[in-house]
C-alpha atoms as a PDB file:
ATOM      1  CA  UNK A   1       0.448  -0.367  -0.146  1.00  0.00           C
ATOM      2  CA  UNK A   2       1.164   3.368  -0.907  1.00  0.00           C
ATOM      3  CA  UNK A   3       1.927   5.601   2.363  1.00  0.00           C
ATOM      4  CA  UNK A   4      -0.443   8.895   2.780  1.00  0.00           C
ATOM      5  CA  UNK A   5       0.790  12.170   3.925  1.00  0.00           C
ATOM      6  CA  UNK A   6      -0.393  11.980   7.930  1.00  0.00           C
ATOM      7  CA  UNK A   7      -1.466  15.964   7.203  1.00  0.00           C
ATOM      8  CA  UNK A   8      -3.273  15.142   4.190  1.00  0.00           C
ATOM      9  CA  UNK A   9      -3.889  12.333   2.481  1.00  0.00           C
ATOM     10  CA  UNK A  10      -4.263  14.262  -0.658  1.00  0.00           C
ATOM     11  CA  UNK A  11      -0.849  15.699  -0.871  1.00  0.00           C
ATOM     12  CA  UNK A  12       2.682  13.731  -1.600  1.00  0.00           C
ATOM     13  CA  UNK A  13       4.682  12.081   0.995  1.00  0.00           C
ATOM     14  CA  UNK A  14       7.817  13.727   1.236  1.00  0.00           C
ATOM     15  CA  UNK A  15      10.761  11.193  -0.169  1.00  0.00           C
ATOM     16  CA  UNK A  16      14.415  11.676   0.264  1.00  0.00           C
ATOM     17  CA  UNK A  17      17.471  10.586  -2.543  1.00  0.00           C
ATOM     18  CA  UNK A  18      16.981   6.945  -0.415  1.00  0.00           C
ATOM     19  CA  UNK A  19      13.015   6.914  -1.326  1.00  0.00           C
ATOM     20  CA  UNK A  20      12.806   7.241   2.541  1.00  0.00           C
ATOM     21  CA  UNK A  21       9.972   9.534   3.858  1.00  0.00           C
ATOM     22  CA  UNK A  22      10.919  12.765   5.322  1.00  0.00           C
ATOM     23  CA  UNK A  23      10.737  12.426   8.855  1.00  0.00           C
ATOM     24  CA  UNK A  24      10.892  15.725  10.244  1.00  0.00           C
ATOM     25  CA  UNK A  25       7.551  17.772  10.684  1.00  0.00           C
ATOM     26  CA  UNK A  26       8.722  20.884  10.314  1.00  0.00           C
ATOM     27  CA  UNK A  27      10.556  20.146   7.057  1.00  0.00           C
ATOM     28  CA  UNK A  28       6.946  18.456   5.687  1.00  0.00           C
ATOM     29  CA  UNK A  29       5.455  20.969   7.155  1.00  0.00           C
ATOM     30  CA  UNK A  30       6.582  23.768   4.894  1.00  0.00           C
ATOM     31  CA  UNK A  31       7.028  21.572   2.149  1.00  0.00           C
ATOM     32  CA  UNK A  32       2.947  20.875   2.460  1.00  0.00           C
ATOM     33  CA  UNK A  33       2.419  24.309   2.385  1.00  0.00           C
ATOM     34  CA  UNK A  34       5.037  25.251  -0.606  1.00  0.00           C
ATOM     35  CA  UNK A  35       3.030  22.658  -2.525  1.00  0.00           C
ATOM     36  CA  UNK A  36      -0.590  23.477  -1.833  1.00  0.00           C
ATOM     37  CA  UNK A  37       0.463  27.245  -2.637  1.00  0.00           C
ATOM     38  CA  UNK A  38       2.120  26.502  -5.573  1.00  0.00           C
ATOM     39  CA  UNK A  39      -0.887  24.180  -6.598  1.00  0.00           C
ATOM     40  CA  UNK A  40      -3.338  27.586  -6.073  1.00  0.00           C
ATOM     41  CA  UNK A  41      -0.802  29.590  -8.177  1.00  0.00           C
ATOM     42  CA  UNK A  42      -0.754  26.897 -11.329  1.00  0.00           C
ATOM     43  CA  UNK A  43      -4.668  26.416 -10.860  1.00  0.00           C
ATOM     44  CA  UNK A  44      -5.634  30.621 -10.965  1.00  0.00           C
ATOM     45  CA  UNK A  45      -2.720  30.371 -13.685  1.00  0.00           C
ATOM     46  CA  UNK A  46      -4.717  28.064 -15.713  1.00  0.00           C
ATOM     47  CA  UNK A  47      -8.211  29.060 -15.190  1.00  0.00           C
ATOM     48  CA  UNK A  48      -7.260  32.502 -16.100  1.00  0.00           C
ATOM     49  CA  UNK A  49      -5.525  31.611 -19.138  1.00  0.00           C
ATOM     50  CA  UNK A  50      -8.312  29.855 -20.485  1.00  0.00           C
ATOM     51  CA  UNK A  51     -10.359  32.755 -19.924  1.00  0.00           C
ATOM     52  CA  UNK A  52      -8.485  34.989 -21.757  1.00  0.00           C
ATOM     53  CA  UNK A  53      -8.429  32.873 -25.012  1.00  0.00           C
ATOM     54  CA  UNK A  54      -5.471  30.706 -24.710  1.00  0.00           C
ATOM     55  CA  UNK A  55      -5.287  27.598 -25.410  1.00  0.00           C
ATOM     56  CA  UNK A  56      -5.385  24.776 -22.402  1.00  0.00           C
ATOM     57  CA  UNK A  57      -3.187  22.122 -23.841  1.00  0.00           C
ATOM     58  CA  UNK A  58      -0.632  24.775 -24.540  1.00  0.00           C
ATOM     59  CA  UNK A  59      -0.728  26.112 -20.813  1.00  0.00           C
ATOM     60  CA  UNK A  60      -0.185  22.463 -19.468  1.00  0.00           C
ATOM     61  CA  UNK A  61       2.382  21.983 -21.531  1.00  0.00           C
ATOM     62  CA  UNK A  62       4.477  25.544 -21.097  1.00  0.00           C
ATOM     63  CA  UNK A  63       3.594  24.823 -17.189  1.00  0.00           C
ATOM     64  CA  UNK A  64       5.075  21.426 -17.858  1.00  0.00           C
ATOM     65  CA  UNK A  65       8.354  22.736 -19.493  1.00  0.00           C
ATOM     66  CA  UNK A  66       8.703  25.546 -16.896  1.00  0.00           C
ATOM     67  CA  UNK A  67       8.930  22.838 -13.810  1.00  0.00           C
ATOM     68  CA  UNK A  68      11.457  20.771 -16.157  1.00  0.00           C
ATOM     69  CA  UNK A  69      13.420  23.990 -16.479  1.00  0.00           C
ATOM     70  CA  UNK A  70      13.802  24.631 -12.637  1.00  0.00           C
ATOM     71  CA  UNK A  71      17.100  23.808 -11.435  1.00  0.00           C
ATOM     72  CA  UNK A  72      18.997  23.599  -7.553  1.00  0.00           C
ATOM     73  CA  UNK A  73      21.622  24.918  -6.985  1.00  0.00           C
ATOM     74  CA  UNK A  74      21.739  22.491  -3.909  1.00  0.00           C
ATOM     75  CA  UNK A  75      22.148  19.479  -5.914  1.00  0.00           C
ATOM     76  CA  UNK A  76      21.779  16.097  -4.594  1.00  0.00           C
ATOM     77  CA  UNK A  77      22.400  15.727  -0.740  1.00  0.00           C
END
């Protein structure tokens, strides 16, 4: 059975590089909050774009490209 996020089953379980759940409560809390905020911003942007006549398919493609283009300066820890 897939593990569920104890705070909200609709959120992912945050994993480290060894596929073990992140156990620090404060880290999980921050990750959950950031995920919720990003999801809401993406939802609002998608809806705004569609209401302004943009192609939903193009918006989704651009969102994927945006996420795929993100880089971190921290590397794998």
